[in-house]
Every structure is written in structure tokens, then in C-alpha cells.
Protein backbone atom coordinates (compact mmCIF):
# COMPACT_ATOMS: atom_id res chain seq x y z
CA MET A 1 8.29 13.19 17.49
CA ASN A 2 10.73 10.86 17.00
CA VAL A 3 10.23 7.89 14.07
CA ASP A 4 9.90 5.13 16.75
CA MET A 5 7.34 6.72 18.17
CA GLU A 6 5.39 7.41 14.69
CA ILE A 7 5.70 3.95 13.82
CA GLU A 8 3.59 2.82 17.26
CA THR A 9 1.17 5.60 16.89
CA CYS A 10 0.57 3.97 13.64
CA ILE A 11 0.41 0.50 15.08
CA GLU A 12 -2.37 2.12 17.37
CA VAL A 13 -4.32 3.51 14.84
CA LEU A 14 -3.89 0.50 12.57
CA LYS A 15 -5.10 -2.11 15.23
CA LYS A 16 -8.07 0.13 16.06
CA GLY A 17 -9.29 -0.17 12.25
CA GLY A 18 -8.03 3.47 11.52
CA VAL A 19 -6.46 5.32 8.92
CA ILE A 20 -3.04 6.78 8.60
CA LEU A 21 -1.90 9.15 6.12
CA TYR A 22 2.19 8.25 5.76
CA PRO A 23 5.30 8.15 3.57
CA THR A 24 5.86 4.94 1.20
CA ASP A 25 8.30 3.90 -0.94
CA THR A 26 7.28 5.57 -3.77
CA VAL A 27 4.49 8.66 -2.80
CA TRP A 28 2.29 9.76 0.03
CA GLY A 29 -0.23 7.21 1.02
CA LEU A 30 -3.38 6.14 2.98
CA GLY A 31 -2.77 2.93 4.66
CA CYS A 32 -4.84 0.78 6.75
CA ASP A 33 -4.81 -2.78 8.13
CA ALA A 34 -5.22 -4.53 4.73
CA THR A 35 -7.00 -7.64 6.91
CA ASN A 36 -9.93 -4.92 8.17
CA GLU A 37 -12.96 -4.83 6.14
CA SER A 38 -14.21 -1.49 7.67
CA ALA A 39 -10.91 0.09 7.30
CA VAL A 40 -10.26 -0.58 3.96
CA GLN A 41 -13.79 0.97 3.38
CA LYS A 42 -13.03 4.18 5.02
CA ILE A 43 -9.83 4.59 2.91
CA LYS A 44 -12.27 4.00 -0.45
CA ASP A 45 -15.02 6.59 1.22
CA ILE A 46 -12.00 9.28 1.95
CA LYS A 47 -10.86 8.93 -1.71
CA LYS A 48 -14.27 8.47 -3.26
CA ARG A 49 -13.13 5.39 -4.97
CA VAL A 50 -15.16 2.92 -7.16
CA ILE A 51 -16.04 0.21 -4.84
CA ASN A 52 -14.83 -3.17 -6.79
CA LYS A 53 -11.14 -1.46 -7.55
CA SER A 54 -8.02 -3.14 -5.73
CA MET A 55 -5.71 -1.27 -3.65
CA ILE A 56 -1.68 -2.05 -3.61
CA VAL A 57 -1.18 -3.92 -0.09
CA LEU A 58 2.61 -3.68 1.23
CA VAL A 59 4.42 -5.96 2.99
CA ASN A 60 7.95 -6.01 4.12
CA HIS A 61 9.44 -9.56 3.01
CA ILE A 62 8.86 -12.67 0.50
CA ASN A 63 7.78 -14.69 4.02
CA MET A 64 4.78 -12.23 4.21
CA LEU A 65 4.44 -12.08 0.64
CA SER A 66 3.76 -16.14 0.68
CA LYS A 67 1.01 -15.79 3.64
CA TYR A 68 -1.22 -13.94 1.97
CA VAL A 69 -0.71 -14.65 -1.96
CA ASP A 70 -2.12 -17.93 -3.01
CA VAL A 71 0.79 -18.62 -6.03
CA ILE A 72 3.59 -16.80 -6.19
CA PRO A 73 4.64 -17.19 -9.75
CA THR A 74 8.80 -17.80 -10.12
CA ALA A 75 9.09 -15.11 -12.18
CA ALA A 76 7.88 -13.00 -9.12
CA VAL A 77 10.65 -13.66 -7.34
CA ASP A 78 13.05 -12.64 -10.26
CA ILE A 79 11.23 -9.46 -10.84
CA LEU A 80 11.31 -8.55 -6.89
CA GLU A 81 14.83 -9.28 -6.94
CA TYR A 82 16.26 -7.08 -10.09
CA ALA A 83 13.38 -4.47 -10.44
CA SER A 84 15.64 -1.10 -10.46
CA LYS A 85 12.53 0.90 -8.59
CA PRO A 86 9.55 -0.10 -6.20
CA THR A 87 7.61 -2.77 -8.33
CA THR A 88 4.14 -3.89 -7.25
CA ILE A 89 2.93 -7.44 -8.44
CA VAL A 90 -0.58 -8.15 -9.39
CA PHE A 91 -1.39 -11.63 -8.13
CA ASP A 92 -4.22 -13.74 -9.32
CA LYS A 93 -5.72 -14.45 -6.04
CA MET A 94 -5.46 -13.43 -2.49
CA MET A 95 -5.65 -14.99 1.11
CA GLY A 96 -6.00 -13.66 4.59
CA VAL A 97 -6.75 -9.86 3.30
CA ALA A 98 -10.50 -8.18 3.49
CA GLU A 99 -12.46 -8.70 0.35
CA ASN A 100 -12.78 -5.60 -0.49
CA VAL A 101 -9.08 -4.39 -0.83
CA VAL A 102 -9.15 -7.20 -4.05
CA ALA A 103 -10.54 -6.68 -6.88
CA ALA A 104 -13.60 -8.30 -8.44
CA ASP A 105 -11.35 -11.35 -9.98
CA GLY A 106 -9.88 -11.94 -6.81
CA SER A 107 -6.39 -10.34 -7.96
CA CYS A 108 -4.81 -7.57 -6.18
CA GLY A 109 -1.31 -5.25 -6.28
CA VAL A 110 1.09 -6.51 -3.53
CA ARG A 111 4.55 -4.64 -3.10
CA ILE A 112 7.49 -5.57 -0.63
CA THR A 113 8.75 -2.31 0.33
CA ALA A 114 12.27 -1.28 0.96
CA ASP A 115 11.57 1.94 2.52
CA GLU A 116 12.74 1.80 5.98
CA PHE A 117 9.67 3.46 7.87
CA CYS A 118 7.32 1.23 5.99
CA ASN A 119 9.23 -1.81 6.44
CA LYS A 120 9.49 -0.96 10.10
CA LEU A 121 6.11 -0.44 10.71
CA ILE A 122 5.13 -3.77 8.88
CA ARG A 123 7.35 -5.29 10.43
CA LYS A 124 6.00 -4.66 13.70
CA PHE A 125 2.47 -4.69 12.95
CA ASN A 126 3.07 -7.90 11.71
CA LYS A 127 0.12 -7.88 9.05
CA PRO A 128 0.12 -6.01 5.60
CA ILE A 129 -1.02 -2.33 5.19
CA VAL A 130 -2.78 -0.71 2.48
CA SER A 131 -0.94 1.96 0.15
CA THR A 132 -3.07 3.63 -2.18
CA SER A 133 -1.94 6.91 -2.94
CA ALA A 134 -3.02 10.03 -0.46
CA ASN A 135 -5.84 11.68 -3.22
CA ILE A 136 -9.19 11.77 -4.52
CA SER A 137 -9.48 8.92 -6.97
CA GLY A 138 -8.98 10.33 -10.10
CA GLU A 139 -7.20 13.29 -9.39
CA LYS A 140 -3.16 14.02 -9.61
CA THR A 141 -1.15 11.68 -7.48
CA PRO A 142 0.45 13.69 -4.73
CA ARG A 143 4.33 13.32 -4.78
CA ASN A 144 4.83 14.75 -1.69
CA PHE A 145 3.42 15.74 1.14
CA LYS A 146 2.46 19.32 0.12
CA GLU A 147 1.04 18.22 -2.53
CA ILE A 148 -2.30 16.18 -0.82
CA ASP A 149 -5.59 17.68 -1.29
CA PRO A 150 -6.46 19.79 1.84
CA SER A 151 -9.45 17.78 2.12
CA VAL A 152 -7.31 14.15 2.72
CA ALA A 153 -5.69 14.82 6.34
CA PRO A 154 -8.47 15.81 8.46
CA GLN A 155 -10.44 12.41 7.22
CA CYS A 156 -7.65 9.92 8.71
CA ASP A 157 -6.91 9.02 11.98
CA TYR A 158 -3.41 9.84 12.14
CA VAL A 159 -1.07 11.72 10.12
CA VAL A 160 2.56 10.86 10.31
CA GLN A 161 4.84 13.97 10.64
CA PHE A 162 8.01 11.82 9.11
CA LYS A 163 9.26 13.09 6.10
CA SER A 164 6.37 15.65 5.63
CA GLY A 165 8.55 18.64 5.47
CA GLU A 166 10.25 17.00 2.34
CA THR A 167 9.71 18.80 -1.06
CA THR A 168 11.44 15.30 -2.98
CA LEU A 169 9.40 14.39 -5.56
CA GLY A 170 7.95 10.54 -5.17
CA VAL A 171 7.35 8.58 -8.12
CA PRO A 172 4.86 5.98 -8.15
CA SER A 173 5.65 1.93 -8.42
CA SER A 174 6.13 0.17 -11.59
CA ILE A 175 2.98 -2.39 -11.57
CA ILE A 176 3.53 -5.73 -13.67
CA LYS A 177 0.15 -8.20 -13.45
CA LEU A 178 1.36 -11.89 -13.38
CA GLN A 179 -1.04 -14.72 -13.88
CA ASN A 180 -0.43 -18.07 -12.55
CA ASN A 181 -0.88 -19.38 -16.18
CA GLY A 182 2.54 -17.58 -17.21
CA LEU A 183 1.05 -14.41 -18.87
CA VAL A 184 2.95 -11.08 -18.01
CA THR A 185 1.33 -7.53 -18.54
CA ILE A 186 2.80 -4.16 -17.79
CA ILE A 187 0.40 -2.03 -16.36
CA ARG A 188 2.57 1.03 -15.45
CA LYS A 189 6.45 1.26 -16.27
């Protein structure tokens, strides 16, 4: 299946509230429509994840970011422009996403993806998608498709084949928390 067909299949699955297993700009991830609460719950069930722990959301452009983040501190734009690797920013307050995507305090990590596959998928889907590592919570993050726990893929509604044969090891994103009051905290380098 070619990349465009894979993207179309992913969009069909996402629109129906399904979960995809897909390559991101960092590591292999579990994804769903970030605005669909039952789809987000499916991912939490697959990961056996604590209920009130937030997930990372991918957007494809700063314009999409501004539709879902209440306040974008000026520092966020600078960080996103000059970051040398994929960087997730935890914002204080999200809007328009499923309640179970955000943490108990209302914050959520968002990353503007530069990855061609993810960018095209999000642009065509026209909504943010969840991007959480394709592992059981507390277990090692899979750096490529071969490292994914064998119990994960059968629980997904679609497994992307694009890049599944690659042996390159992905690296999780940097995570920076930017609070509206100006406080900056580096969570993961």
C-alpha cells in the first residue's frame, strides 16, 4: 500500500473513533482523534494507563495550535522555531479536545510535527491527533516498529505499514512546560 492510501485508511479509522499504530516524528505511536473521548479511552485501555495522565497531541501548524491552546506564550513560538529536535510543549490550558486527553490540572503537551507522514495525515484529517508511545505504560518506549510489544498491534484498528521495516531508532521528543505566568520547566531533554 502506498503512503497516500495509508493516510486515507488512517483518516477513515480516525473518523470512526478508531486507534492507529503509526510512525511519528519521534517514536512509533498510538494515535486517535484528540477530540474524541471514547477513542482516547481506547488508547488508555491499550496502554493500561492511569486515567488522569495527559497525552501528547500532534498538530501540523501553528495555526492549528492556536485553535486548541488557550494562551500561547511568546516563548513557545521561539522554542518551536529554534528547537533542533522534535519538542513537545506543555501548555496550561487546552480547548476543543477530549477531556481525557488533558491532565487533571488542564494542561496538555502539544507538538507541531515536521514529519511528512504525520503532517499530511493531520492536514487531511483537519484535527489534532493523539501521539503516545506504542507501549504498555511503564514499559520501555519502542524506538522502532520491531520493539513494539506484540500485544499492542492486535488491539489497534489499523497498523500503518509505512516505515514498519525500518530499523532506525527513534528518540522521544524534548518536553518543556510553559506556564502562562512565564515559568519554564524542562521535563525531558
